[in-house]
Structures are given as structure tokens and as C-alpha cells.
C-alpha atoms as a PDB file:
ATOM      1  CA  MET A   1       1.393  -8.877 -20.641  1.00  0.00           C
ATOM      2  CA  ASN A   2       1.822  -5.232 -19.542  1.00  0.00           C
ATOM      3  CA  GLU A   3       3.912  -6.097 -16.493  1.00  0.00           C
ATOM      4  CA  ILE A   4       4.425  -3.064 -14.290  1.00  0.00           C
ATOM      5  CA  LEU A   5       6.145  -4.666 -11.298  1.00  0.00           C
ATOM      6  CA  VAL A   6       8.275  -7.824 -11.210  1.00  0.00           C
ATOM      7  CA  ALA A   7       9.978  -9.505  -8.263  1.00  0.00           C
ATOM      8  CA  GLN A   8      12.685 -12.063  -8.986  1.00  0.00           C
ATOM      9  CA  ASN A   9      13.949 -14.470  -6.342  1.00  0.00           C
ATOM     10  CA  LEU A  10      13.335 -12.027  -3.481  1.00  0.00           C
ATOM     11  CA  LYS A  11      14.888 -13.121  -0.221  1.00  0.00           C
ATOM     12  CA  LYS A  12      14.973 -11.461   3.169  1.00  0.00           C
ATOM     13  CA  THR A  13      17.037 -12.711   6.072  1.00  0.00           C
ATOM     14  CA  TYR A  14      17.409 -11.246   9.549  1.00  0.00           C
ATOM     15  CA  MET A  15      19.840 -12.107  12.302  1.00  0.00           C
ATOM     16  CA  ASP A  16      18.170 -13.502  15.425  1.00  0.00           C
ATOM     17  CA  GLY A  17      20.956 -13.552  17.947  1.00  0.00           C
ATOM     18  CA  PHE A  18      23.587 -15.793  16.401  1.00  0.00           C
ATOM     19  CA  SER A  19      21.239 -17.506  13.959  1.00  0.00           C
ATOM     20  CA  LYS A  20      19.604 -16.422  10.721  1.00  0.00           C
ATOM     21  CA  LEU A  21      15.862 -15.977  10.353  1.00  0.00           C
ATOM     22  CA  TYR A  22      14.760 -16.666   6.781  1.00  0.00           C
ATOM     23  CA  VAL A  23      11.594 -14.595   6.316  1.00  0.00           C
ATOM     24  CA  LEU A  24      11.313 -14.690   2.503  1.00  0.00           C
ATOM     25  CA  LYS A  25      12.861 -17.592   0.624  1.00  0.00           C
ATOM     26  CA  GLY A  26      12.834 -16.636  -3.028  1.00  0.00           C
ATOM     27  CA  ILE A  27       9.662 -14.801  -4.029  1.00  0.00           C
ATOM     28  CA  ASN A  28       8.785 -14.520  -7.718  1.00  0.00           C
ATOM     29  CA  LEU A  29       5.854 -12.327  -8.680  1.00  0.00           C
ATOM     30  CA  SER A  30       4.693 -10.470 -11.781  1.00  0.00           C
ATOM     31  CA  VAL A  31       2.121  -7.703 -11.360  1.00  0.00           C
ATOM     32  CA  THR A  32       0.305  -6.393 -14.412  1.00  0.00           C
ATOM     33  CA  LYS A  33      -1.463  -3.118 -15.009  1.00  0.00           C
ATOM     34  CA  LYS A  34      -5.035  -3.134 -13.630  1.00  0.00           C
ATOM     35  CA  ASP A  35      -4.108  -5.934 -11.187  1.00  0.00           C
ATOM     36  CA  LEU A  36      -5.887  -6.287  -7.836  1.00  0.00           C
ATOM     37  CA  LEU A  37      -3.872  -8.759  -5.847  1.00  0.00           C
ATOM     38  CA  ALA A  38      -4.298 -10.106  -2.312  1.00  0.00           C
ATOM     39  CA  ILE A  39      -1.514 -11.683  -0.267  1.00  0.00           C
ATOM     40  CA  THR A  40      -2.782 -13.740   2.653  1.00  0.00           C
ATOM     41  CA  GLY A  41      -0.949 -15.461   5.460  1.00  0.00           C
ATOM     42  CA  ILE A  42      -0.848 -15.711   9.223  1.00  0.00           C
ATOM     43  CA  SER A  43       0.505 -12.911  11.383  1.00  0.00           C
ATOM     44  CA  GLY A  44       4.294 -12.934  11.223  1.00  0.00           C
ATOM     45  CA  SER A  45       4.450 -14.746   7.893  1.00  0.00           C
ATOM     46  CA  GLY A  46       6.292 -11.858   6.219  1.00  0.00           C
ATOM     47  CA  LYS A  47       3.462 -10.092   4.377  1.00  0.00           C
ATOM     48  CA  SER A  48       4.526  -6.628   5.539  1.00  0.00           C
ATOM     49  CA  THR A  49       8.157  -7.394   4.746  1.00  0.00           C
ATOM     50  CA  LEU A  50       7.189  -8.407   1.215  1.00  0.00           C
ATOM     51  CA  LEU A  51       5.169  -5.208   0.680  1.00  0.00           C
ATOM     52  CA  HIS A  52       8.096  -3.096   1.878  1.00  0.00           C
ATOM     53  CA  LEU A  53      10.426  -4.797  -0.572  1.00  0.00           C
ATOM     54  CA  LEU A  54       8.003  -4.512  -3.492  1.00  0.00           C
ATOM     55  CA  GLY A  55       7.446  -0.835  -2.673  1.00  0.00           C
ATOM     56  CA  ALA A  56      11.201  -0.114  -2.441  1.00  0.00           C
ATOM     57  CA  LEU A  57      10.950   0.833   1.228  1.00  0.00           C
ATOM     58  CA  ASP A  58      13.461  -1.848   2.144  1.00  0.00           C
ATOM     59  CA  VAL A  59      16.334  -3.657   0.427  1.00  0.00           C
ATOM     60  CA  PRO A  60      16.226  -7.441  -0.119  1.00  0.00           C
ATOM     61  CA  THR A  61      18.972  -9.714   1.090  1.00  0.00           C
ATOM     62  CA  ASP A  62      18.958 -11.127  -2.423  1.00  0.00           C
ATOM     63  CA  GLY A  63      16.851 -10.769  -5.568  1.00  0.00           C
ATOM     64  CA  LYS A  64      15.528  -7.920  -7.691  1.00  0.00           C
ATOM     65  CA  VAL A  65      12.480  -5.676  -7.942  1.00  0.00           C
ATOM     66  CA  TYR A  66      11.756  -4.159 -11.345  1.00  0.00           C
ATOM     67  CA  LEU A  67       9.390  -1.266 -11.966  1.00  0.00           C
ATOM     68  CA  ASP A  68       8.633  -0.960 -15.677  1.00  0.00           C
ATOM     69  CA  GLY A  69      11.795  -2.958 -16.363  1.00  0.00           C
ATOM     70  CA  THR A  70      14.109  -0.864 -14.159  1.00  0.00           C
ATOM     71  CA  ASP A  71      15.710  -2.351 -11.072  1.00  0.00           C
ATOM     72  CA  VAL A  72      14.529   0.040  -8.352  1.00  0.00           C
ATOM     73  CA  HIS A  73      17.655  -0.526  -6.294  1.00  0.00           C
ATOM     74  CA  THR A  74      19.875   0.869  -9.035  1.00  0.00           C
ATOM     75  CA  MET A  75      18.105   4.221  -8.706  1.00  0.00           C
ATOM     76  CA  GLY A  76      19.659   7.064  -6.770  1.00  0.00           C
ATOM     77  CA  GLU A  77      17.926   8.085  -3.560  1.00  0.00           C
ATOM     78  CA  ARG A  78      16.460  11.254  -5.095  1.00  0.00           C
ATOM     79  CA  GLU A  79      15.056   9.367  -8.088  1.00  0.00           C
ATOM     80  CA  LEU A  80      13.699   6.617  -5.844  1.00  0.00           C
ATOM     81  CA  SER A  81      12.033   9.151  -3.534  1.00  0.00           C
ATOM     82  CA  ASP A  82      10.409  10.769  -6.551  1.00  0.00           C
ATOM     83  CA  VAL A  83       9.145   7.385  -7.784  1.00  0.00           C
ATOM     84  CA  ARG A  84       7.673   6.580  -4.370  1.00  0.00           C
ATOM     85  CA  ASN A  85       5.953   9.951  -4.253  1.00  0.00           C
ATOM     86  CA  ARG A  86       4.575  10.038  -7.791  1.00  0.00           C
ATOM     87  CA  ARG A  87       3.925   6.429  -8.699  1.00  0.00           C
ATOM     88  CA  LEU A  88       3.498   4.473  -5.466  1.00  0.00           C
ATOM     89  CA  GLY A  89       1.027   4.759  -2.607  1.00  0.00           C
ATOM     90  CA  PHE A  90       1.320   3.145   0.821  1.00  0.00           C
ATOM     91  CA  ILE A  91      -1.307   2.232   3.391  1.00  0.00           C
ATOM     92  CA  PHE A  92       0.406   1.059   6.577  1.00  0.00           C
ATOM     93  CA  GLN A  93      -0.955  -0.799   9.605  1.00  0.00           C
ATOM     94  CA  LEU A  94       0.193   2.181  11.659  1.00  0.00           C
ATOM     95  CA  TYR A  95      -1.374   5.390  10.399  1.00  0.00           C
ATOM     96  CA  TYR A  96       1.648   7.730  10.545  1.00  0.00           C
ATOM     97  CA  LEU A  97      -0.587  10.795  10.668  1.00  0.00           C
ATOM     98  CA  LEU A  98       1.238  13.920  11.855  1.00  0.00           C
ATOM     99  CA  PRO A  99      -0.479  15.214  15.010  1.00  0.00           C
ATOM    100  CA  GLU A 100       0.213  18.905  14.314  1.00  0.00           C
ATOM    101  CA  PHE A 101      -1.676  18.826  10.996  1.00  0.00           C
ATOM    102  CA  SER A 102      -5.393  18.555  10.339  1.00  0.00           C
ATOM    103  CA  ILE A 103      -6.743  15.478   8.582  1.00  0.00           C
ATOM    104  CA  PHE A 104      -7.084  17.450   5.349  1.00  0.00           C
ATOM    105  CA  GLU A 105      -3.469  18.644   5.627  1.00  0.00           C
ATOM    106  CA  ASN A 106      -2.270  15.102   6.366  1.00  0.00           C
ATOM    107  CA  VAL A 107      -3.981  13.832   3.233  1.00  0.00           C
ATOM    108  CA  LEU A 108      -2.327  16.587   1.188  1.00  0.00           C
ATOM    109  CA  LEU A 109       1.194  15.869   2.492  1.00  0.00           C
ATOM    110  CA  PRO A 110       2.276  13.511  -0.341  1.00  0.00           C
ATOM    111  CA  ALA A 111       1.222  16.156  -2.864  1.00  0.00           C
ATOM    112  CA  MET A 112       3.109  19.026  -1.228  1.00  0.00           C
ATOM    113  CA  ALA A 113       6.434  17.899  -2.705  1.00  0.00           C
ATOM    114  CA  ARG A 114       4.874  18.453  -6.115  1.00  0.00           C
ATOM    115  CA  GLY A 115       3.225  21.745  -5.234  1.00  0.00           C
ATOM    116  CA  LYS A 116      -0.350  21.868  -3.978  1.00  0.00           C
ATOM    117  CA  ASP A 117      -2.799  23.135  -6.546  1.00  0.00           C
ATOM    118  CA  LYS A 118      -6.555  23.513  -6.777  1.00  0.00           C
ATOM    119  CA  GLU A 119      -7.031  20.166  -8.516  1.00  0.00           C
ATOM    120  CA  THR A 120      -5.083  18.309  -5.826  1.00  0.00           C
ATOM    121  CA  ALA A 121      -7.024  20.022  -3.048  1.00  0.00           C
ATOM    122  CA  GLU A 122     -10.272  19.063  -4.755  1.00  0.00           C
ATOM    123  CA  ARG A 123      -9.105  15.445  -5.012  1.00  0.00           C
ATOM    124  CA  ALA A 124      -8.237  15.434  -1.293  1.00  0.00           C
ATOM    125  CA  HIS A 125     -11.725  16.749  -0.475  1.00  0.00           C
ATOM    126  CA  SER A 126     -13.298  14.129  -2.734  1.00  0.00           C
ATOM    127  CA  LEU A 127     -11.301  11.267  -1.237  1.00  0.00           C
ATOM    128  CA  LEU A 128     -12.105  12.310   2.319  1.00  0.00           C
ATOM    129  CA  GLU A 129     -15.775  12.411   1.394  1.00  0.00           C
ATOM    130  CA  ARG A 130     -15.555   8.978  -0.232  1.00  0.00           C
ATOM    131  CA  VAL A 131     -13.999   7.432   2.873  1.00  0.00           C
ATOM    132  CA  GLY A 132     -16.654   9.025   5.074  1.00  0.00           C
ATOM    133  CA  LEU A 133     -14.605  11.830   6.637  1.00  0.00           C
ATOM    134  CA  LYS A 134     -16.182  14.883   5.035  1.00  0.00           C
ATOM    135  CA  GLU A 135     -17.223  16.257   8.433  1.00  0.00           C
ATOM    136  CA  ARG A 136     -13.885  15.436  10.063  1.00  0.00           C
ATOM    137  CA  MET A 137     -11.349  16.858   7.610  1.00  0.00           C
ATOM    138  CA  ASN A 138     -10.564  19.907   9.733  1.00  0.00           C
ATOM    139  CA  HIS A 139     -10.097  17.834  12.894  1.00  0.00           C
ATOM    140  CA  TYR A 140      -6.745  16.615  14.181  1.00  0.00           C
ATOM    141  CA  PRO A 141      -5.634  12.970  14.534  1.00  0.00           C
ATOM    142  CA  VAL A 142      -6.015  13.023  18.327  1.00  0.00           C
ATOM    143  CA  GLU A 143      -9.712  13.768  17.805  1.00  0.00           C
ATOM    144  CA  LEU A 144     -10.317  10.729  15.596  1.00  0.00           C
ATOM    145  CA  SER A 145     -10.960   7.076  16.353  1.00  0.00           C
ATOM    146  CA  GLY A 146      -8.615   4.369  15.117  1.00  0.00           C
ATOM    147  CA  GLY A 147     -10.983   3.524  12.278  1.00  0.00           C
ATOM    148  CA  GLU A 148     -11.219   7.160  11.218  1.00  0.00           C
ATOM    149  CA  MET A 149      -7.430   7.513  11.219  1.00  0.00           C
ATOM    150  CA  GLN A 150      -7.195   4.399   9.066  1.00  0.00           C
ATOM    151  CA  ARG A 151      -9.605   5.898   6.529  1.00  0.00           C
ATOM    152  CA  ALA A 152      -7.617   9.153   6.531  1.00  0.00           C
ATOM    153  CA  ALA A 153      -4.442   7.176   5.845  1.00  0.00           C
ATOM    154  CA  ILE A 154      -6.168   5.482   2.904  1.00  0.00           C
ATOM    155  CA  ALA A 155      -7.176   8.847   1.447  1.00  0.00           C
ATOM    156  CA  ARG A 156      -3.593  10.110   1.870  1.00  0.00           C
ATOM    157  CA  ALA A 157      -2.225   7.088  -0.011  1.00  0.00           C
ATOM    158  CA  LEU A 158      -4.532   7.812  -2.948  1.00  0.00           C
ATOM    159  CA  VAL A 159      -4.182  11.587  -3.235  1.00  0.00           C
ATOM    160  CA  ASN A 160      -1.406  11.521  -5.855  1.00  0.00           C
ATOM    161  CA  SER A 161      -3.303   8.975  -7.981  1.00  0.00           C
ATOM    162  CA  PRO A 162      -0.459   6.439  -7.689  1.00  0.00           C
ATOM    163  CA  GLU A 163      -0.146   3.691 -10.261  1.00  0.00           C
ATOM    164  CA  ILE A 164       0.435   1.065  -7.561  1.00  0.00           C
ATOM    165  CA  VAL A 165      -0.997   1.082  -4.042  1.00  0.00           C
ATOM    166  CA  PHE A 166       0.537  -1.178  -1.383  1.00  0.00           C
ATOM    167  CA  ALA A 167      -1.965  -1.782   1.392  1.00  0.00           C
ATOM    168  CA  ASP A 168      -1.077  -3.517   4.656  1.00  0.00           C
ATOM    169  CA  GLU A 169      -4.326  -4.685   6.311  1.00  0.00           C
ATOM    170  CA  PRO A 170      -6.246  -1.639   4.997  1.00  0.00           C
ATOM    171  CA  THR A 171      -9.529  -2.636   6.668  1.00  0.00           C
ATOM    172  CA  GLY A 172      -8.055  -4.184   9.800  1.00  0.00           C
ATOM    173  CA  ASN A 173      -9.306  -1.423  12.136  1.00  0.00           C
ATOM    174  CA  LEU A 174     -12.682  -0.839  10.474  1.00  0.00           C
ATOM    175  CA  ASP A 175     -16.175  -2.070  11.258  1.00  0.00           C
ATOM    176  CA  SER A 176     -18.044  -4.092   8.642  1.00  0.00           C
ATOM    177  CA  LYS A 177     -19.832  -1.071   7.121  1.00  0.00           C
ATOM    178  CA  ASN A 178     -16.696   1.026   6.651  1.00  0.00           C
ATOM    179  CA  SER A 179     -14.721  -2.020   5.574  1.00  0.00           C
ATOM    180  CA  ARG A 180     -17.228  -2.633   2.790  1.00  0.00           C
ATOM    181  CA  SER A 181     -17.104   1.014   1.684  1.00  0.00           C
ATOM    182  CA  ILE A 182     -13.283   0.888   1.476  1.00  0.00           C
ATOM    183  CA  LEU A 183     -13.432  -2.335  -0.526  1.00  0.00           C
ATOM    184  CA  ASP A 184     -15.946  -0.736  -2.886  1.00  0.00           C
ATOM    185  CA  LEU A 185     -13.623   2.260  -3.312  1.00  0.00           C
ATOM    186  CA  ILE A 186     -10.652  -0.017  -4.069  1.00  0.00           C
ATOM    187  CA  ILE A 187     -12.663  -1.940  -6.660  1.00  0.00           C
ATOM    188  CA  LYS A 188     -13.909   1.289  -8.238  1.00  0.00           C
ATOM    189  CA  LEU A 189     -10.424   2.824  -8.470  1.00  0.00           C
ATOM    190  CA  ASN A 190      -9.059  -0.412  -9.891  1.00  0.00           C
ATOM    191  CA  ASP A 191     -11.830  -0.603 -12.501  1.00  0.00           C
ATOM    192  CA  GLU A 192     -12.111   3.070 -13.467  1.00  0.00           C
ATOM    193  CA  GLU A 193      -8.642   4.532 -12.862  1.00  0.00           C
ATOM    194  CA  HIS A 194      -6.740   1.272 -13.430  1.00  0.00           C
ATOM    195  CA  GLN A 195      -4.825   1.645 -10.192  1.00  0.00           C
ATOM    196  CA  VAL A 196      -2.980  -1.501  -9.166  1.00  0.00           C
ATOM    197  CA  PHE A 197      -3.584  -2.703  -5.598  1.00  0.00           C
ATOM    198  CA  ILE A 198      -1.351  -5.166  -3.750  1.00  0.00           C
ATOM    199  CA  ILE A 199      -3.048  -5.919  -0.453  1.00  0.00           C
ATOM    200  CA  ALA A 200      -1.638  -7.873   2.475  1.00  0.00           C
ATOM    201  CA  THR A 201      -4.547  -9.205   4.501  1.00  0.00           C
ATOM    202  CA  HIS A 202      -5.947 -12.006   6.584  1.00  0.00           C
ATOM    203  CA  GLU A 203      -9.538 -11.034   5.739  1.00  0.00           C
ATOM    204  CA  VAL A 204     -11.563 -13.367   3.524  1.00  0.00           C
ATOM    205  CA  SER A 205     -13.648 -10.444   2.184  1.00  0.00           C
ATOM    206  CA  ILE A 206     -10.613  -8.888   0.476  1.00  0.00           C
ATOM    207  CA  GLY A 207      -9.484 -12.188  -0.967  1.00  0.00           C
ATOM    208  CA  SER A 208     -12.935 -12.651  -2.452  1.00  0.00           C
ATOM    209  CA  VAL A 209     -12.781  -9.427  -4.503  1.00  0.00           C
ATOM    210  CA  ALA A 210      -9.149  -9.714  -5.605  1.00  0.00           C
ATOM    211  CA  ARG A 211      -8.386 -10.682  -9.183  1.00  0.00           C
ATOM    212  CA  ARG A 212      -5.598 -12.911  -7.885  1.00  0.00           C
ATOM    213  CA  THR A 213      -4.840 -14.275  -4.415  1.00  0.00           C
ATOM    214  CA  PHE A 214      -1.571 -15.651  -3.054  1.00  0.00           C
ATOM    215  CA  CYS A 215      -0.692 -17.214   0.281  1.00  0.00           C
ATOM    216  CA  LEU A 216       2.637 -16.502   1.967  1.00  0.00           C
ATOM    217  CA  ASN A 217       3.595 -19.521   4.031  1.00  0.00           C
ATOM    218  CA  ASN A 218       7.000 -20.427   5.449  1.00  0.00           C
ATOM    219  CA  GLY A 219       8.654 -17.786   3.256  1.00  0.00           C
ATOM    220  CA  ILE A 220       7.131 -19.101   0.012  1.00  0.00           C
ATOM    221  CA  LEU A 221       4.434 -17.332  -2.043  1.00  0.00           C
ATOM    222  CA  GLU A 222       1.907 -19.669  -3.631  1.00  0.00           C
ATOM    223  CA  PRO A 223      -1.125 -18.878  -5.833  1.00  0.00           C
ATOM    224  CA  GLN A 224      -4.525 -19.785  -4.420  1.00  0.00           C
END
């Protein structure tokens, strides 16, 4: 089946005053290579929480996450940081662009831990062109619109050619034209470079192009 990522009985509970808030109630999910998967659900349903757990950015209350058969939470922090940098890409709802760096430099940041080389710089240029920011790459975040910062964040997530990209509402701040171009890029990368995409979204357009769609409702993940 070529499973690359597996979640088993994932649960996440938070304390809300003196009571427990059960956000995820036992999520089971198998993600295969070349997958393009959409997770839908209303705001506050736990989509972002689930992405953070799958991407090893947070620790579940219970359950396991396996990457190529290895429980990610048995890894040391250095090994886990290396895995996140080399194999995983993240597109957040908030852009997290550093204001003191140009857009081009922000896109290169994930690659700097591995040593910037000519090939990486060329990929950053190519990605910025593909997301429509060729003329803006030497500008700073404060000079960009929200939609432009979102596209820069998408390019940054892709610069290391990660095997799995976790995307939290990747087109939420974009107009219809730019949203379509980002969807086309995701489909192309999934088809040609076999990058896996796990996308949390409320947009019907993303669900329509996904290979598989799930709905997160009341802490339970169900196939659609």
C-alpha cells in the first residue's frame, strides 16, 4: 500500500477550566505516497490540531503517529527537527514571515539549515515565479498584501521538496484567480513530484480536486 504516514487512535484533550475539552476522539488515518487528501470541517472542529499532530508539531494526549513505520514521538528532538526540515512542509493560516528578511530570503529559510546552494536558490526563484511573486521577491513582508504573504508562505513550504506538505487553509486569503493557480500548482506537484498533500480546508474547490476527502466532526474523522 506504500503507507508513508499512519495515525492510530489519535486523541487530543485540553483543560477548559475544571472540565476537559475533547477535541480529537480517536483518529485513525493512513496516508499513502502520492496522496492528495482534504480534511473538511467547520471552524473550531480541530482541523489545525490534527495537522499539528500529524506533522509532529504537537504531542497527542493518546495515540501514535508513524512516519515510514517509526513512531515520531520516540525520536529525539534533533532527529525530529531534521525530519521536519527535510521531509515535511508546513503552510500555516498565519504566515510566520520574518519581517527583517526579504521574501526571497524568507522562502530560503528552511533550506539554510542544510546549506544554501545554487540549486536551492534556483528552486526558490522558480517557486516564487510559479506563485506569482517574481516581481516581489526582493520586497519585505510589510510591503505585501495578505494574499501575497500567503503565496510566499506556500513557496517557503515547498522549497526543500518535502515528501509531505501539511496545508492549513492554503487558499483562505486568496482571490479566485490566485486560489486556482495555487490549486493547479498543488495538483502538478502531486502528479509530477509525487508530493503528498494533507489539506485542512472549508473550501469546496479543494475538496473537488483531492484524491480523498474526510470530514472532521465532533472529534471524529469520517470519509466523504
